[in-house]
Amino acid sequence: MADKRALMGVIGESDAIKAFRTVGMQVISAATQQEAERAVHHMLTNGVTVIFITEDVARQIPDTLARYNGSPEVTIIPIPGSRGSTGFGMQRVQANVEKAVGANILLNNTEE
């Protein structure tokens, strides 16, 4: 029987992603647009199906994120980096919810 586990990886600033290696995730440090695009490509060609990417790095590759948005083969999820959340990840969640439901049903104020 084929192994159906999802391979997960993390891309971002090295100080923000080190801990993910301890839980068995593939980790690639990236600070520039080119490094981030290469890291995404590397993970995709190695069967990673869930990619977490720090918000600061994700902002640098909007075309890459758009290319895989809604793809059944990979999910790319922005997460806060070492400097905390910029709100980029939540903006993407809100946009996807609005696209799916037809209205923004999430609260506009995401701070608690």
N, C-alpha and C. Protein backbone atom coordinates (compact mmCIF):
# COMPACT_ATOMS: atom_id res chain seq x y z
N MET A 1 0.84 -1.18 0.00
CA MET A 1 0.00 0.00 0.00
C MET A 1 0.89 1.23 0.00
N ALA A 2 0.57 2.21 -0.82
CA ALA A 2 1.37 3.42 -0.94
C ALA A 2 1.25 4.27 0.31
N ASP A 3 2.35 4.95 0.64
CA ASP A 3 2.38 5.84 1.79
C ASP A 3 1.66 7.13 1.42
N LYS A 4 0.57 7.45 2.12
CA LYS A 4 -0.25 8.61 1.79
C LYS A 4 0.02 9.81 2.71
N ARG A 5 1.08 9.74 3.52
CA ARG A 5 1.37 10.86 4.41
C ARG A 5 1.77 12.08 3.60
N ALA A 6 1.34 13.23 4.06
CA ALA A 6 1.73 14.48 3.42
C ALA A 6 3.12 14.86 3.88
N LEU A 7 3.97 15.18 2.94
CA LEU A 7 5.27 15.71 3.29
C LEU A 7 5.11 17.21 3.50
N MET A 8 5.69 17.71 4.58
CA MET A 8 5.57 19.12 4.90
C MET A 8 6.93 19.77 4.94
N GLY A 9 6.96 21.04 4.55
CA GLY A 9 8.20 21.79 4.56
C GLY A 9 7.97 23.22 4.98
N VAL A 10 9.08 23.89 5.31
CA VAL A 10 9.03 25.28 5.74
C VAL A 10 10.11 26.06 5.00
N ILE A 11 9.74 27.25 4.53
CA ILE A 11 10.67 28.15 3.85
C ILE A 11 10.63 29.49 4.57
N GLY A 12 11.80 30.07 4.82
CA GLY A 12 11.82 31.39 5.44
C GLY A 12 13.17 31.75 5.99
N GLU A 13 13.18 32.80 6.79
CA GLU A 13 14.40 33.26 7.42
C GLU A 13 14.90 32.17 8.36
N SER A 14 16.21 31.94 8.36
CA SER A 14 16.76 30.79 9.10
C SER A 14 16.41 30.81 10.58
N ASP A 15 16.42 31.99 11.21
CA ASP A 15 16.12 32.03 12.64
C ASP A 15 14.65 31.73 12.94
N ALA A 16 13.79 31.87 11.96
CA ALA A 16 12.36 31.63 12.17
C ALA A 16 11.95 30.19 11.90
N ILE A 17 12.78 29.43 11.20
CA ILE A 17 12.35 28.10 10.76
C ILE A 17 13.13 26.94 11.34
N LYS A 18 14.19 27.22 12.08
CA LYS A 18 15.05 26.15 12.62
C LYS A 18 14.28 25.08 13.39
N ALA A 19 13.37 25.51 14.24
CA ALA A 19 12.66 24.58 15.12
C ALA A 19 11.82 23.56 14.35
N PHE A 20 11.38 23.90 13.16
CA PHE A 20 10.54 22.99 12.38
C PHE A 20 11.29 21.72 11.98
N ARG A 21 12.61 21.81 11.87
CA ARG A 21 13.40 20.63 11.52
C ARG A 21 13.28 19.56 12.62
N THR A 22 13.14 19.98 13.87
CA THR A 22 13.07 19.02 14.97
C THR A 22 11.81 18.16 14.94
N VAL A 23 10.80 18.60 14.22
CA VAL A 23 9.57 17.81 14.10
C VAL A 23 9.50 17.09 12.76
N GLY A 24 10.63 17.02 12.07
CA GLY A 24 10.71 16.22 10.85
C GLY A 24 10.33 16.91 9.56
N MET A 25 10.15 18.21 9.60
CA MET A 25 9.79 18.92 8.37
C MET A 25 11.04 19.25 7.57
N GLN A 26 10.87 19.32 6.26
CA GLN A 26 11.96 19.79 5.41
C GLN A 26 12.06 21.30 5.59
N VAL A 27 13.27 21.80 5.74
CA VAL A 27 13.48 23.21 6.02
C VAL A 27 14.47 23.79 5.01
N ILE A 28 14.09 24.91 4.38
CA ILE A 28 14.99 25.61 3.47
C ILE A 28 14.99 27.09 3.84
N SER A 29 16.17 27.60 4.13
CA SER A 29 16.33 29.01 4.44
C SER A 29 16.29 29.83 3.15
N ALA A 30 15.54 30.92 3.18
CA ALA A 30 15.45 31.82 2.02
C ALA A 30 15.22 33.23 2.52
N ALA A 31 15.94 34.17 1.92
CA ALA A 31 15.78 35.57 2.29
C ALA A 31 15.40 36.43 1.09
N THR A 32 15.74 35.98 -0.11
CA THR A 32 15.48 36.76 -1.31
C THR A 32 14.39 36.10 -2.15
N GLN A 33 13.90 36.84 -3.13
CA GLN A 33 12.89 36.32 -4.03
C GLN A 33 13.41 35.09 -4.77
N GLN A 34 14.61 35.16 -5.29
CA GLN A 34 15.18 34.03 -6.04
C GLN A 34 15.34 32.80 -5.16
N GLU A 35 15.83 32.99 -3.94
CA GLU A 35 15.99 31.86 -3.02
C GLU A 35 14.64 31.24 -2.70
N ALA A 36 13.63 32.08 -2.49
CA ALA A 36 12.29 31.57 -2.16
C ALA A 36 11.69 30.79 -3.32
N GLU A 37 11.82 31.31 -4.53
CA GLU A 37 11.29 30.61 -5.70
C GLU A 37 11.99 29.27 -5.91
N ARG A 38 13.33 29.26 -5.74
CA ARG A 38 14.07 27.99 -5.86
C ARG A 38 13.65 27.00 -4.78
N ALA A 39 13.42 27.51 -3.56
CA ALA A 39 13.02 26.64 -2.45
C ALA A 39 11.66 26.01 -2.72
N VAL A 40 10.70 26.80 -3.20
CA VAL A 40 9.38 26.26 -3.53
C VAL A 40 9.51 25.19 -4.61
N HIS A 41 10.25 25.49 -5.66
CA HIS A 41 10.45 24.53 -6.75
C HIS A 41 11.10 23.24 -6.22
N HIS A 42 12.11 23.39 -5.38
CA HIS A 42 12.80 22.22 -4.82
C HIS A 42 11.82 21.35 -4.02
N MET A 43 11.02 21.98 -3.18
CA MET A 43 10.07 21.22 -2.37
C MET A 43 9.03 20.52 -3.25
N LEU A 44 8.53 21.21 -4.25
CA LEU A 44 7.53 20.61 -5.13
C LEU A 44 8.10 19.41 -5.88
N THR A 45 9.33 19.51 -6.35
CA THR A 45 9.93 18.40 -7.09
C THR A 45 10.30 17.24 -6.18
N ASN A 46 10.32 17.48 -4.87
CA ASN A 46 10.62 16.42 -3.91
C ASN A 46 9.39 15.92 -3.18
N GLY A 47 8.21 16.22 -3.71
CA GLY A 47 6.98 15.64 -3.19
C GLY A 47 6.38 16.30 -1.97
N VAL A 48 6.85 17.49 -1.61
CA VAL A 48 6.27 18.20 -0.47
C VAL A 48 4.91 18.73 -0.90
N THR A 49 3.88 18.42 -0.12
CA THR A 49 2.52 18.82 -0.49
C THR A 49 1.96 19.95 0.37
N VAL A 50 2.60 20.21 1.51
CA VAL A 50 2.20 21.32 2.38
C VAL A 50 3.46 22.14 2.66
N ILE A 51 3.44 23.40 2.23
CA ILE A 51 4.60 24.27 2.42
C ILE A 51 4.18 25.47 3.27
N PHE A 52 4.83 25.61 4.41
CA PHE A 52 4.66 26.80 5.23
C PHE A 52 5.76 27.76 4.82
N ILE A 53 5.44 29.04 4.68
CA ILE A 53 6.43 30.03 4.27
C ILE A 53 6.23 31.29 5.10
N THR A 54 7.31 31.83 5.64
CA THR A 54 7.17 33.01 6.48
C THR A 54 6.60 34.16 5.66
N GLU A 55 5.82 35.00 6.32
CA GLU A 55 5.10 36.07 5.62
C GLU A 55 6.04 37.01 4.87
N ASP A 56 7.17 37.38 5.48
CA ASP A 56 8.09 38.29 4.81
C ASP A 56 8.63 37.71 3.52
N VAL A 57 8.91 36.42 3.52
CA VAL A 57 9.40 35.76 2.31
C VAL A 57 8.26 35.57 1.31
N ALA A 58 7.09 35.21 1.79
CA ALA A 58 5.93 35.00 0.91
C ALA A 58 5.58 36.27 0.13
N ARG A 59 5.71 37.41 0.77
CA ARG A 59 5.41 38.69 0.10
C ARG A 59 6.29 38.91 -1.13
N GLN A 60 7.45 38.28 -1.15
CA GLN A 60 8.40 38.48 -2.26
C GLN A 60 8.06 37.65 -3.49
N ILE A 61 7.17 36.67 -3.35
CA ILE A 61 6.88 35.78 -4.48
C ILE A 61 5.38 35.69 -4.77
N PRO A 62 4.73 36.83 -5.02
CA PRO A 62 3.28 36.81 -5.25
C PRO A 62 2.88 35.99 -6.48
N ASP A 63 3.70 36.01 -7.53
CA ASP A 63 3.36 35.25 -8.73
C ASP A 63 3.40 33.75 -8.47
N THR A 64 4.38 33.32 -7.68
CA THR A 64 4.49 31.90 -7.33
C THR A 64 3.30 31.48 -6.48
N LEU A 65 2.94 32.30 -5.50
CA LEU A 65 1.78 31.99 -4.66
C LEU A 65 0.51 31.92 -5.50
N ALA A 66 0.35 32.86 -6.43
CA ALA A 66 -0.84 32.87 -7.29
C ALA A 66 -0.89 31.63 -8.18
N ARG A 67 0.27 31.19 -8.67
CA ARG A 67 0.32 30.02 -9.55
C ARG A 67 -0.21 28.77 -8.85
N TYR A 68 0.08 28.63 -7.56
CA TYR A 68 -0.33 27.42 -6.84
C TYR A 68 -1.57 27.61 -5.98
N ASN A 69 -2.15 28.81 -5.98
CA ASN A 69 -3.36 29.06 -5.20
C ASN A 69 -4.49 28.19 -5.74
N GLY A 70 -5.08 27.40 -4.90
CA GLY A 70 -6.17 26.52 -5.31
C GLY A 70 -5.72 25.21 -5.93
N SER A 71 -4.42 24.98 -5.98
CA SER A 71 -3.91 23.73 -6.56
C SER A 71 -4.25 22.55 -5.66
N PRO A 72 -4.72 21.46 -6.24
CA PRO A 72 -5.00 20.27 -5.42
C PRO A 72 -3.73 19.51 -5.04
N GLU A 73 -2.61 19.87 -5.64
CA GLU A 73 -1.37 19.14 -5.41
C GLU A 73 -0.51 19.71 -4.30
N VAL A 74 -0.66 21.00 -4.01
CA VAL A 74 0.17 21.63 -2.98
C VAL A 74 -0.62 22.74 -2.31
N THR A 75 -0.34 22.92 -1.03
CA THR A 75 -0.90 24.02 -0.27
C THR A 75 0.25 24.83 0.29
N ILE A 76 0.25 26.14 0.01
CA ILE A 76 1.30 27.03 0.51
C ILE A 76 0.65 27.96 1.52
N ILE A 77 1.14 27.91 2.76
CA ILE A 77 0.52 28.63 3.86
C ILE A 77 1.50 29.63 4.47
N PRO A 78 1.21 30.94 4.37
CA PRO A 78 2.06 31.92 5.03
C PRO A 78 1.91 31.85 6.54
N ILE A 79 3.04 31.93 7.24
CA ILE A 79 3.05 31.92 8.70
C ILE A 79 3.88 33.10 9.19
N PRO A 80 3.65 33.55 10.42
CA PRO A 80 4.46 34.64 10.96
C PRO A 80 5.94 34.25 11.00
N GLY A 81 6.79 35.23 10.79
CA GLY A 81 8.23 35.00 10.87
C GLY A 81 8.76 35.36 12.25
N SER A 82 10.05 35.55 12.34
CA SER A 82 10.68 35.84 13.63
C SER A 82 10.30 37.21 14.17
N ARG A 83 9.83 38.10 13.31
CA ARG A 83 9.42 39.44 13.76
C ARG A 83 7.93 39.51 14.07
N GLY A 84 7.25 38.38 14.01
CA GLY A 84 5.82 38.35 14.28
C GLY A 84 5.01 38.45 13.01
N SER A 85 3.71 38.51 13.16
CA SER A 85 2.80 38.53 12.02
C SER A 85 2.72 39.91 11.39
N THR A 86 2.70 39.91 10.06
CA THR A 86 2.50 41.15 9.32
C THR A 86 1.05 41.28 8.86
N GLY A 87 0.27 40.23 9.07
CA GLY A 87 -1.12 40.22 8.62
C GLY A 87 -1.30 39.64 7.22
N PHE A 88 -0.20 39.35 6.53
CA PHE A 88 -0.25 38.84 5.16
C PHE A 88 -0.99 37.51 5.09
N GLY A 89 -0.70 36.61 6.00
CA GLY A 89 -1.35 35.30 6.00
C GLY A 89 -2.85 35.41 6.21
N MET A 90 -3.26 36.25 7.15
CA MET A 90 -4.68 36.43 7.42
C MET A 90 -5.39 37.09 6.25
N GLN A 91 -4.71 37.99 5.55
CA GLN A 91 -5.31 38.61 4.36
C GLN A 91 -5.61 37.55 3.31
N ARG A 92 -4.70 36.59 3.15
CA ARG A 92 -4.91 35.51 2.18
C ARG A 92 -6.07 34.61 2.60
N VAL A 93 -6.17 34.33 3.90
CA VAL A 93 -7.28 33.52 4.40
C VAL A 93 -8.60 34.24 4.13
N GLN A 94 -8.65 35.52 4.45
CA GLN A 94 -9.88 36.29 4.23
C GLN A 94 -10.26 36.32 2.75
N ALA A 95 -9.28 36.50 1.88
CA ALA A 95 -9.55 36.53 0.44
C ALA A 95 -10.09 35.18 -0.04
N ASN A 96 -9.52 34.10 0.46
CA ASN A 96 -9.99 32.76 0.06
C ASN A 96 -11.39 32.48 0.59
N VAL A 97 -11.68 32.90 1.82
CA VAL A 97 -13.02 32.71 2.38
C VAL A 97 -14.03 33.52 1.58
N GLU A 98 -13.67 34.76 1.27
CA GLU A 98 -14.59 35.61 0.49
C GLU A 98 -14.83 35.02 -0.90
N LYS A 99 -13.80 34.48 -1.50
CA LYS A 99 -13.94 33.86 -2.82
C LYS A 99 -14.85 32.64 -2.75
N ALA A 100 -14.71 31.84 -1.69
CA ALA A 100 -15.49 30.61 -1.56
C ALA A 100 -16.93 30.88 -1.16
N VAL A 101 -17.14 31.84 -0.25
CA VAL A 101 -18.46 32.08 0.32
C VAL A 101 -19.20 33.21 -0.39
N GLY A 102 -18.45 34.13 -0.97
CA GLY A 102 -19.07 35.27 -1.63
C GLY A 102 -19.11 36.51 -0.76
N ALA A 103 -18.66 36.39 0.47
CA ALA A 103 -18.62 37.52 1.38
C ALA A 103 -17.56 37.26 2.44
N ASN A 104 -17.02 38.34 2.99
CA ASN A 104 -16.04 38.19 4.05
C ASN A 104 -16.78 37.94 5.36
N ILE A 105 -16.82 36.69 5.78
CA ILE A 105 -17.55 36.34 7.00
C ILE A 105 -16.64 36.36 8.22
N LEU A 106 -15.35 36.61 8.00
CA LEU A 106 -14.40 36.70 9.11
C LEU A 106 -14.40 38.12 9.66
N LEU A 107 -14.04 38.24 10.91
CA LEU A 107 -13.94 39.56 11.51
C LEU A 107 -12.82 40.34 10.85
N ASN A 108 -13.03 41.62 10.62
CA ASN A 108 -11.98 42.46 10.04
C ASN A 108 -10.86 42.71 11.03
N ASN A 109 -11.17 42.74 12.31
CA ASN A 109 -10.16 42.95 13.34
C ASN A 109 -9.66 41.59 13.78
N THR A 110 -8.45 41.23 13.38
CA THR A 110 -7.91 39.90 13.69
C THR A 110 -7.14 39.89 14.99
N GLU A 111 -6.97 41.04 15.64
CA GLU A 111 -6.26 41.07 16.91
C GLU A 111 -7.22 40.69 18.02
N GLU A 112 -6.66 40.04 19.03
CA GLU A 112 -7.50 39.65 20.17
C GLU A 112 -7.11 40.45 21.38
